[in-house]
Amino acid sequence: MLSIGALVLFMVAVINANRLIVDSDSQALKGEKYIEAAAMTRSLFGEMRVKYFDHLAPGDSIVTKPSDFTYPPLGPEIFAVPSEVITLPDTGTFRSASSYNDIDDYNNYTRIVNTANASGYRVSVAVSYVRESDYTPSTVQTFLKKITVTVNLPQDTTWEATQDSVTFSTIQAY
């Protein structure tokens, strides 16, 4: 009888140890997803920073008043060549780098990113003018644009009940 009790106690200990290992592995995988999301965002911010602030202010042009910039809502120019229009979500070789010429073209842009660790990261971008005084959204043009990137992490249905997302923002000045 004593040996049966010891066996049951041993099985409970093994099950609990196994649960700890599985939980630890799932948390490590989730951590890797957050790191990959940050890297994707950093890459997208870098892609956007080399673009013009506004298509109405290309190259060395000098804008002295914000009203000379594109009026909201922001997004790709409506006169874009049909072959340059990006079907969203953008997948595979991302066309935004070659098709977009200014920051606000990325407003409402989405891409699906697959990595060696996980498939199906959904990366979404929002671009808006913000007030210079407090960085809150502005309905008129300003010398500042806020870029917000949200990454929806892929969901592993074997252990995740909900889909996590992470959001990063930066302010770009003219």
N, C-alpha and C. Protein backbone atom coordinates (compact mmCIF):
# COMPACT_ATOMS: atom_id res chain seq x y z
N MET A 1 0.82 -1.19 0.00
CA MET A 1 0.00 0.00 0.00
C MET A 1 0.87 1.27 0.00
N LEU A 2 1.93 1.19 0.78
CA LEU A 2 2.84 2.32 0.86
C LEU A 2 3.49 2.58 -0.51
N SER A 3 3.82 1.53 -1.24
CA SER A 3 4.45 1.70 -2.56
C SER A 3 3.47 2.32 -3.56
N ILE A 4 2.17 2.00 -3.45
CA ILE A 4 1.17 2.60 -4.34
C ILE A 4 1.07 4.09 -4.06
N GLY A 5 1.07 4.46 -2.80
CA GLY A 5 1.02 5.87 -2.41
C GLY A 5 2.23 6.63 -2.91
N ALA A 6 3.41 6.00 -2.80
CA ALA A 6 4.63 6.63 -3.28
C ALA A 6 4.60 6.79 -4.79
N LEU A 7 4.05 5.79 -5.50
CA LEU A 7 3.95 5.86 -6.95
C LEU A 7 3.01 6.99 -7.38
N VAL A 8 1.88 7.12 -6.71
CA VAL A 8 0.93 8.20 -7.01
C VAL A 8 1.60 9.56 -6.76
N LEU A 9 2.28 9.70 -5.65
CA LEU A 9 2.97 10.95 -5.33
C LEU A 9 4.04 11.26 -6.38
N PHE A 10 4.77 10.25 -6.83
CA PHE A 10 5.78 10.43 -7.86
C PHE A 10 5.14 10.87 -9.18
N MET A 11 4.01 10.27 -9.57
CA MET A 11 3.32 10.64 -10.81
C MET A 11 2.83 12.09 -10.75
N VAL A 12 2.32 12.51 -9.61
CA VAL A 12 1.87 13.90 -9.46
C VAL A 12 3.05 14.85 -9.63
N ALA A 13 4.19 14.49 -9.03
CA ALA A 13 5.38 15.33 -9.14
C ALA A 13 5.85 15.42 -10.60
N VAL A 14 5.83 14.30 -11.33
CA VAL A 14 6.25 14.29 -12.73
C VAL A 14 5.31 15.13 -13.58
N ILE A 15 4.02 15.01 -13.36
CA ILE A 15 3.04 15.80 -14.12
C ILE A 15 3.23 17.29 -13.87
N ASN A 16 3.44 17.68 -12.63
CA ASN A 16 3.66 19.10 -12.31
C ASN A 16 4.96 19.61 -12.92
N ALA A 17 6.00 18.80 -12.89
CA ALA A 17 7.28 19.20 -13.50
C ALA A 17 7.11 19.36 -15.00
N ASN A 18 6.38 18.46 -15.62
CA ASN A 18 6.13 18.55 -17.06
C ASN A 18 5.35 19.81 -17.40
N ARG A 19 4.36 20.15 -16.59
CA ARG A 19 3.55 21.36 -16.80
C ARG A 19 4.43 22.60 -16.71
N LEU A 20 5.35 22.62 -15.74
CA LEU A 20 6.27 23.76 -15.61
C LEU A 20 7.16 23.89 -16.84
N ILE A 21 7.63 22.78 -17.37
CA ILE A 21 8.49 22.82 -18.55
C ILE A 21 7.71 23.33 -19.75
N VAL A 22 6.48 22.83 -19.94
CA VAL A 22 5.66 23.27 -21.06
C VAL A 22 5.34 24.76 -20.94
N ASP A 23 4.97 25.22 -19.73
CA ASP A 23 4.68 26.64 -19.53
C ASP A 23 5.92 27.49 -19.79
N SER A 24 7.06 27.02 -19.35
CA SER A 24 8.31 27.75 -19.56
C SER A 24 8.63 27.85 -21.05
N ASP A 25 8.46 26.75 -21.79
CA ASP A 25 8.72 26.76 -23.23
C ASP A 25 7.76 27.70 -23.96
N SER A 26 6.49 27.69 -23.58
CA SER A 26 5.52 28.54 -24.26
C SER A 26 5.80 30.01 -23.97
N GLN A 27 6.23 30.33 -22.76
CA GLN A 27 6.58 31.71 -22.44
C GLN A 27 7.83 32.14 -23.20
N ALA A 28 8.79 31.24 -23.36
CA ALA A 28 10.00 31.56 -24.13
C ALA A 28 9.65 31.82 -25.58
N LEU A 29 8.76 31.00 -26.15
CA LEU A 29 8.34 31.19 -27.53
C LEU A 29 7.60 32.51 -27.69
N LYS A 30 6.75 32.84 -26.73
CA LYS A 30 6.03 34.11 -26.78
C LYS A 30 7.02 35.27 -26.71
N GLY A 31 8.05 35.16 -25.87
CA GLY A 31 9.08 36.19 -25.78
C GLY A 31 9.80 36.38 -27.11
N GLU A 32 10.09 35.27 -27.80
CA GLU A 32 10.73 35.35 -29.11
C GLU A 32 9.83 36.07 -30.11
N LYS A 33 8.53 35.84 -30.01
CA LYS A 33 7.59 36.52 -30.91
C LYS A 33 7.62 38.03 -30.68
N TYR A 34 7.70 38.46 -29.43
CA TYR A 34 7.77 39.89 -29.13
C TYR A 34 9.07 40.50 -29.67
N ILE A 35 10.16 39.77 -29.55
CA ILE A 35 11.45 40.25 -30.07
C ILE A 35 11.37 40.38 -31.59
N GLU A 36 10.79 39.38 -32.26
CA GLU A 36 10.65 39.45 -33.71
C GLU A 36 9.73 40.61 -34.12
N ALA A 37 8.67 40.85 -33.36
CA ALA A 37 7.76 41.97 -33.66
C ALA A 37 8.51 43.30 -33.56
N ALA A 38 9.36 43.43 -32.57
CA ALA A 38 10.15 44.66 -32.42
C ALA A 38 11.11 44.83 -33.59
N ALA A 39 11.71 43.74 -34.04
CA ALA A 39 12.64 43.81 -35.17
C ALA A 39 11.90 44.18 -36.45
N MET A 40 10.70 43.63 -36.65
CA MET A 40 9.90 43.98 -37.84
C MET A 40 9.56 45.46 -37.83
N THR A 41 9.19 45.96 -36.66
CA THR A 41 8.82 47.37 -36.54
C THR A 41 10.04 48.25 -36.80
N ARG A 42 11.16 47.90 -36.23
CA ARG A 42 12.39 48.68 -36.44
C ARG A 42 12.73 48.73 -37.93
N SER A 43 12.59 47.62 -38.61
CA SER A 43 12.86 47.56 -40.05
C SER A 43 11.90 48.46 -40.83
N LEU A 44 10.62 48.41 -40.48
CA LEU A 44 9.63 49.24 -41.17
C LEU A 44 9.86 50.72 -40.89
N PHE A 45 10.18 51.09 -39.64
CA PHE A 45 10.51 52.48 -39.32
C PHE A 45 11.70 52.93 -40.17
N GLY A 46 12.71 52.07 -40.30
CA GLY A 46 13.88 52.41 -41.11
C GLY A 46 13.52 52.62 -42.57
N GLU A 47 12.65 51.77 -43.09
CA GLU A 47 12.19 51.91 -44.47
C GLU A 47 11.47 53.24 -44.66
N MET A 48 10.69 53.63 -43.68
CA MET A 48 9.89 54.85 -43.80
C MET A 48 10.73 56.12 -43.63
N ARG A 49 11.76 56.06 -42.80
CA ARG A 49 12.56 57.25 -42.50
C ARG A 49 13.33 57.78 -43.72
N VAL A 50 13.56 56.94 -44.72
CA VAL A 50 14.28 57.41 -45.91
C VAL A 50 13.32 58.00 -46.95
N LYS A 51 12.04 57.99 -46.66
CA LYS A 51 11.04 58.55 -47.58
C LYS A 51 10.88 60.04 -47.30
N TYR A 52 10.30 60.74 -48.28
CA TYR A 52 9.99 62.16 -48.06
C TYR A 52 8.98 62.29 -46.95
N PHE A 53 8.99 63.43 -46.27
CA PHE A 53 7.99 63.69 -45.24
C PHE A 53 6.62 63.75 -45.88
N ASP A 54 6.54 64.36 -47.06
CA ASP A 54 5.25 64.52 -47.75
C ASP A 54 5.54 64.61 -49.25
N HIS A 55 4.64 64.07 -50.06
CA HIS A 55 4.90 64.12 -51.51
C HIS A 55 4.81 65.54 -52.07
N LEU A 56 4.22 66.45 -51.32
CA LEU A 56 4.16 67.85 -51.74
C LEU A 56 5.42 68.62 -51.33
N ALA A 57 6.34 67.93 -50.65
CA ALA A 57 7.60 68.54 -50.24
C ALA A 57 8.75 67.60 -50.56
N PRO A 58 8.96 67.28 -51.83
CA PRO A 58 10.02 66.33 -52.19
C PRO A 58 11.40 66.96 -52.19
N GLY A 59 12.40 66.11 -52.02
CA GLY A 59 13.80 66.52 -52.16
C GLY A 59 14.20 67.68 -51.29
N ASP A 60 14.78 68.69 -51.93
CA ASP A 60 15.31 69.84 -51.20
C ASP A 60 14.30 70.97 -51.07
N SER A 61 13.04 70.72 -51.38
CA SER A 61 12.05 71.79 -51.28
C SER A 61 11.89 72.20 -49.81
N ILE A 62 11.52 73.46 -49.64
CA ILE A 62 11.36 74.00 -48.29
C ILE A 62 9.91 74.42 -48.11
N VAL A 63 9.28 73.86 -47.09
CA VAL A 63 7.91 74.21 -46.75
C VAL A 63 7.95 75.09 -45.51
N THR A 64 7.31 76.24 -45.59
CA THR A 64 7.34 77.17 -44.45
C THR A 64 6.06 77.17 -43.64
N LYS A 65 5.00 76.57 -44.22
CA LYS A 65 3.75 76.50 -43.45
C LYS A 65 3.13 75.11 -43.66
N PRO A 66 2.63 74.52 -42.58
CA PRO A 66 2.10 73.16 -42.65
C PRO A 66 0.96 72.98 -43.65
N SER A 67 0.22 74.03 -43.92
CA SER A 67 -0.91 73.90 -44.84
C SER A 67 -0.47 73.52 -46.26
N ASP A 68 0.84 73.59 -46.54
CA ASP A 68 1.36 73.18 -47.85
C ASP A 68 1.49 71.67 -47.98
N PHE A 69 1.35 70.95 -46.87
CA PHE A 69 1.44 69.49 -46.91
C PHE A 69 0.11 68.88 -47.33
N THR A 70 0.13 67.57 -47.58
CA THR A 70 -1.07 66.82 -47.95
C THR A 70 -2.14 66.98 -46.88
N TYR A 71 -3.36 67.28 -47.34
CA TYR A 71 -4.47 67.42 -46.41
C TYR A 71 -4.98 66.04 -46.01
N PRO A 72 -5.33 65.84 -44.73
CA PRO A 72 -5.87 64.54 -44.31
C PRO A 72 -7.17 64.23 -45.04
N PRO A 73 -7.53 62.98 -45.25
CA PRO A 73 -6.88 61.79 -44.73
C PRO A 73 -5.62 61.43 -45.52
N LEU A 74 -4.69 60.79 -44.83
CA LEU A 74 -3.42 60.43 -45.43
C LEU A 74 -3.48 59.05 -46.05
N GLY A 75 -2.59 58.79 -46.98
CA GLY A 75 -2.52 57.49 -47.65
C GLY A 75 -1.83 57.66 -48.98
N PRO A 76 -1.73 56.56 -49.75
CA PRO A 76 -1.10 56.66 -51.07
C PRO A 76 -1.82 57.67 -51.95
N GLU A 77 -1.07 58.33 -52.82
CA GLU A 77 -1.65 59.33 -53.71
C GLU A 77 -2.66 58.66 -54.63
N ILE A 78 -3.75 59.34 -54.90
CA ILE A 78 -4.81 58.77 -55.73
C ILE A 78 -4.40 58.69 -57.20
N PHE A 79 -3.34 59.39 -57.58
CA PHE A 79 -2.90 59.37 -58.96
C PHE A 79 -1.80 58.33 -59.20
N ALA A 80 -1.64 57.39 -58.28
CA ALA A 80 -0.59 56.38 -58.43
C ALA A 80 -0.82 55.52 -59.68
N VAL A 81 0.27 55.12 -60.30
CA VAL A 81 0.21 54.26 -61.47
C VAL A 81 -0.37 52.91 -61.04
N PRO A 82 -1.34 52.36 -61.78
CA PRO A 82 -1.97 51.10 -61.35
C PRO A 82 -0.98 49.98 -61.04
N SER A 83 0.13 49.89 -61.76
CA SER A 83 1.11 48.82 -61.48
C SER A 83 1.81 49.04 -60.15
N GLU A 84 1.73 50.26 -59.61
CA GLU A 84 2.37 50.56 -58.33
C GLU A 84 1.40 50.47 -57.16
N VAL A 85 0.14 50.24 -57.43
CA VAL A 85 -0.84 50.12 -56.35
C VAL A 85 -0.60 48.79 -55.65
N ILE A 86 -0.52 48.83 -54.34
CA ILE A 86 -0.23 47.63 -53.57
C ILE A 86 -1.53 47.01 -53.08
N THR A 87 -1.72 45.73 -53.38
CA THR A 87 -2.86 45.00 -52.83
C THR A 87 -2.51 44.61 -51.41
N LEU A 88 -3.40 44.97 -50.48
CA LEU A 88 -3.13 44.70 -49.07
C LEU A 88 -3.91 43.49 -48.60
N PRO A 89 -3.37 42.70 -47.68
CA PRO A 89 -2.05 42.90 -47.08
C PRO A 89 -0.93 42.54 -48.05
N ASP A 90 0.16 43.26 -47.90
CA ASP A 90 1.37 43.04 -48.69
C ASP A 90 2.04 41.77 -48.17
N THR A 91 2.45 40.88 -49.05
CA THR A 91 3.08 39.63 -48.62
C THR A 91 4.33 39.37 -49.45
N GLY A 92 5.16 38.47 -48.97
CA GLY A 92 6.35 38.07 -49.72
C GLY A 92 7.37 39.18 -49.80
N THR A 93 7.76 39.56 -51.01
CA THR A 93 8.66 40.68 -51.21
C THR A 93 7.84 41.95 -51.11
N PHE A 94 8.03 42.68 -50.04
CA PHE A 94 7.16 43.83 -49.75
C PHE A 94 7.38 44.95 -50.75
N ARG A 95 6.30 45.40 -51.37
CA ARG A 95 6.36 46.40 -52.43
C ARG A 95 6.38 47.83 -51.89
N SER A 96 6.13 48.00 -50.60
CA SER A 96 6.08 49.35 -50.04
C SER A 96 7.40 50.10 -50.24
N ALA A 97 8.51 49.42 -50.12
CA ALA A 97 9.82 50.08 -50.23
C ALA A 97 10.01 50.73 -51.60
N SER A 98 9.50 50.10 -52.65
CA SER A 98 9.68 50.64 -53.99
C SER A 98 8.47 51.45 -54.48
N SER A 99 7.30 51.22 -53.94
CA SER A 99 6.10 51.89 -54.45
C SER A 99 5.72 53.16 -53.70
N TYR A 100 6.10 53.26 -52.44
CA TYR A 100 5.73 54.44 -51.65
C TYR A 100 6.88 55.44 -51.67
N ASN A 101 6.54 56.73 -51.81
CA ASN A 101 7.60 57.73 -51.86
C ASN A 101 7.59 58.69 -50.67
N ASP A 102 6.56 58.62 -49.82
CA ASP A 102 6.54 59.49 -48.65
C ASP A 102 5.89 58.77 -47.48
N ILE A 103 6.08 59.33 -46.30
CA ILE A 103 5.64 58.67 -45.06
C ILE A 103 4.15 58.40 -45.03
N ASP A 104 3.34 59.37 -45.43
CA ASP A 104 1.89 59.17 -45.27
C ASP A 104 1.31 58.14 -46.23
N ASP A 105 2.08 57.71 -47.25
CA ASP A 105 1.61 56.62 -48.10
C ASP A 105 1.36 55.35 -47.29
N TYR A 106 2.04 55.22 -46.17
CA TYR A 106 1.94 54.02 -45.34
C TYR A 106 0.68 53.99 -44.47
N ASN A 107 -0.09 55.07 -44.45
CA ASN A 107 -1.29 55.06 -43.62
C ASN A 107 -2.23 53.95 -44.09
N ASN A 108 -2.67 53.11 -43.18
CA ASN A 108 -3.54 51.95 -43.42
C ASN A 108 -2.84 50.82 -44.17
N TYR A 109 -1.53 50.84 -44.23
CA TYR A 109 -0.76 49.78 -44.87
C TYR A 109 -0.70 48.56 -43.95
N THR A 110 -0.79 47.37 -44.51
CA THR A 110 -0.63 46.13 -43.74
C THR A 110 0.25 45.16 -44.53
N ARG A 111 0.98 44.37 -43.79
CA ARG A 111 1.77 43.31 -44.41
C ARG A 111 1.72 42.08 -43.52
N ILE A 112 1.87 40.93 -44.14
CA ILE A 112 1.95 39.67 -43.42
C ILE A 112 3.40 39.21 -43.49
N VAL A 113 3.98 38.92 -42.32
CA VAL A 113 5.38 38.53 -42.25
C VAL A 113 5.48 37.12 -41.68
N ASN A 114 6.28 36.30 -42.34
CA ASN A 114 6.57 34.96 -41.86
C ASN A 114 8.05 34.88 -41.51
N THR A 115 8.35 34.25 -40.38
CA THR A 115 9.73 34.08 -39.96
C THR A 115 10.02 32.59 -39.78
N ALA A 116 11.26 32.29 -39.45
CA ALA A 116 11.63 30.90 -39.21
C ALA A 116 10.91 30.35 -37.97
N ASN A 117 10.59 31.22 -37.02
CA ASN A 117 9.96 30.78 -35.77
C ASN A 117 8.44 30.73 -35.84
N ALA A 118 7.83 31.59 -36.64
CA ALA A 118 6.36 31.65 -36.66
C ALA A 118 5.90 32.29 -37.97
N SER A 119 4.70 31.93 -38.38
CA SER A 119 4.12 32.48 -39.61
C SER A 119 2.86 33.26 -39.27
N GLY A 120 2.65 34.34 -40.01
CA GLY A 120 1.40 35.07 -39.88
C GLY A 120 1.41 36.30 -39.00
N TYR A 121 2.57 36.94 -38.81
CA TYR A 121 2.58 38.23 -38.12
C TYR A 121 1.85 39.22 -39.01
N ARG A 122 0.88 39.93 -38.46
CA ARG A 122 0.16 40.95 -39.22
C ARG A 122 0.64 42.31 -38.74
N VAL A 123 1.29 43.05 -39.64
CA VAL A 123 1.88 44.35 -39.31
C VAL A 123 1.01 45.43 -39.94
N SER A 124 0.50 46.34 -39.13
CA SER A 124 -0.38 47.41 -39.60
C SER A 124 0.21 48.76 -39.23
N VAL A 125 0.04 49.73 -40.13
CA VAL A 125 0.61 51.06 -39.92
C VAL A 125 -0.49 52.11 -39.96
N ALA A 126 -0.40 53.07 -39.05
CA ALA A 126 -1.27 54.25 -39.07
C ALA A 126 -0.36 55.48 -39.03
N VAL A 127 -0.66 56.45 -39.87
CA VAL A 127 0.10 57.70 -39.91
C VAL A 127 -0.88 58.85 -39.76
N SER A 128 -0.53 59.79 -38.90
CA SER A 128 -1.41 60.96 -38.71
C SER A 128 -0.57 62.16 -38.32
N TYR A 129 -1.12 63.32 -38.60
CA TYR A 129 -0.50 64.55 -38.11
C TYR A 129 -0.75 64.64 -36.61
N VAL A 130 0.20 65.23 -35.88
CA VAL A 130 0.02 65.46 -34.45
C VAL A 130 0.39 66.89 -34.11
N ARG A 131 -0.24 67.38 -33.06
CA ARG A 131 0.04 68.75 -32.60
C ARG A 131 1.45 68.81 -32.02
N GLU A 132 2.12 69.90 -32.28
CA GLU A 132 3.48 70.08 -31.77
C GLU A 132 3.50 70.33 -30.27
N SER A 133 2.42 70.81 -29.71
CA SER A 133 2.39 71.14 -28.29
C SER A 133 2.28 69.93 -27.39
N ASP A 134 1.49 68.92 -27.80
CA ASP A 134 1.27 67.78 -26.91
C ASP A 134 1.24 66.42 -27.63
N TYR A 135 1.55 66.42 -28.92
CA TYR A 135 1.62 65.19 -29.74
C TYR A 135 0.30 64.43 -29.82
N THR A 136 -0.81 65.13 -29.64
CA THR A 136 -2.12 64.50 -29.81
C THR A 136 -2.54 64.64 -31.28
N PRO A 137 -3.43 63.75 -31.74
CA PRO A 137 -3.84 63.80 -33.15
C PRO A 137 -4.37 65.16 -33.56
N SER A 138 -4.06 65.54 -34.79
CA SER A 138 -4.50 66.81 -35.34
C SER A 138 -5.31 66.55 -36.61
N THR A 139 -6.35 67.32 -36.81
CA THR A 139 -7.16 67.17 -38.01
C THR A 139 -6.66 68.07 -39.15
N VAL A 140 -5.63 68.84 -38.86
CA VAL A 140 -5.02 69.70 -39.88
C VAL A 140 -3.53 69.37 -39.98
N GLN A 141 -2.91 69.84 -41.05
CA GLN A 141 -1.50 69.57 -41.28
C GLN A 141 -0.63 70.23 -40.21
N THR A 142 0.45 69.54 -39.84
CA THR A 142 1.46 70.09 -38.93
C THR A 142 2.83 69.65 -39.45
N PHE A 143 3.88 70.09 -38.78
CA PHE A 143 5.22 69.68 -39.15
C PHE A 143 5.61 68.34 -38.53
N LEU A 144 4.67 67.67 -37.87
CA LEU A 144 4.93 66.38 -37.23
C LEU A 144 3.94 65.33 -37.70
N LYS A 145 4.44 64.11 -37.92
CA LYS A 145 3.57 62.98 -38.23
C LYS A 145 3.89 61.86 -37.24
N LYS A 146 2.86 61.28 -36.70
CA LYS A 146 3.02 60.14 -35.80
C LYS A 146 2.85 58.86 -36.61
N ILE A 147 3.80 57.97 -36.47
CA ILE A 147 3.75 56.66 -37.14
C ILE A 147 3.50 55.62 -36.05
N THR A 148 2.42 54.89 -36.17
CA THR A 148 2.09 53.84 -35.21
C THR A 148 2.06 52.51 -35.94
N VAL A 149 2.86 51.58 -35.44
CA VAL A 149 2.92 50.24 -36.03
C VAL A 149 2.41 49.25 -34.99
N THR A 150 1.40 48.47 -35.38
CA THR A 150 0.86 47.43 -34.52
C THR A 150 1.16 46.08 -35.15
N VAL A 151 1.73 45.19 -34.37
CA VAL A 151 2.04 43.85 -34.84
C VAL A 151 1.17 42.86 -34.08
N ASN A 152 0.30 42.17 -34.81
CA ASN A 152 -0.48 41.08 -34.21
C ASN A 152 0.37 39.83 -34.30
N LEU A 153 0.69 39.26 -33.15
CA LEU A 153 1.52 38.07 -33.11
C LEU A 153 0.74 36.86 -33.57
N PRO A 154 1.41 35.95 -34.26
CA PRO A 154 0.72 34.73 -34.68
C PRO A 154 0.25 33.96 -33.46
N GLN A 155 -0.87 33.34 -33.59
CA GLN A 155 -1.45 32.60 -32.48
C GLN A 155 -1.15 31.12 -32.64
N ASP A 156 -0.58 30.54 -31.60
CA ASP A 156 -0.36 29.10 -31.58
C ASP A 156 -1.55 28.50 -30.85
N THR A 157 -2.44 27.90 -31.59
CA THR A 157 -3.70 27.42 -31.00
C THR A 157 -3.50 26.29 -30.00
N THR A 158 -2.31 25.72 -29.96
CA THR A 158 -2.10 24.64 -29.00
C THR A 158 -1.96 25.14 -27.58
N TRP A 159 -1.57 26.41 -27.41
CA TRP A 159 -1.41 26.88 -26.03
C TRP A 159 -1.85 28.32 -25.80
N GLU A 160 -2.19 29.06 -26.83
CA GLU A 160 -2.61 30.44 -26.63
C GLU A 160 -4.11 30.57 -26.85
N ALA A 161 -4.78 31.15 -25.87
CA ALA A 161 -6.23 31.32 -25.98
C ALA A 161 -6.58 32.60 -26.73
N THR A 162 -5.74 33.62 -26.64
CA THR A 162 -6.02 34.89 -27.31
C THR A 162 -4.80 35.33 -28.11
N GLN A 163 -5.05 36.20 -29.07
CA GLN A 163 -3.96 36.71 -29.88
C GLN A 163 -3.43 37.99 -29.26
N ASP A 164 -2.12 38.05 -29.08
CA ASP A 164 -1.47 39.23 -28.51
C ASP A 164 -1.05 40.16 -29.63
N SER A 165 -0.94 41.42 -29.29
CA SER A 165 -0.41 42.40 -30.22
C SER A 165 0.49 43.36 -29.45
N VAL A 166 1.37 43.99 -30.17
CA VAL A 166 2.26 44.97 -29.58
C VAL A 166 2.28 46.19 -30.50
N THR A 167 2.30 47.37 -29.91
CA THR A 167 2.24 48.62 -30.67
C THR A 167 3.45 49.48 -30.37
N PHE A 168 4.04 50.03 -31.42
CA PHE A 168 5.18 50.93 -31.30
C PHE A 168 4.83 52.23 -32.04
N SER A 169 5.31 53.35 -31.52
CA SER A 169 5.05 54.65 -32.17
C SER A 169 6.32 55.48 -32.20
N THR A 170 6.38 56.34 -33.20
CA THR A 170 7.46 57.30 -33.29
C THR A 170 6.89 58.58 -33.93
N ILE A 171 7.55 59.67 -33.70
CA ILE A 171 7.16 60.94 -34.31
C ILE A 171 8.22 61.32 -35.33
N GLN A 172 7.77 61.68 -36.54
CA GLN A 172 8.68 62.11 -37.58
C GLN A 172 8.44 63.60 -37.83
N ALA A 173 9.50 64.39 -37.77
CA ALA A 173 9.40 65.83 -37.99
C ALA A 173 9.85 66.16 -39.41
N TYR A 174 9.29 67.25 -39.93
CA TYR A 174 9.68 67.72 -41.26
C TYR A 174 11.06 68.32 -41.19
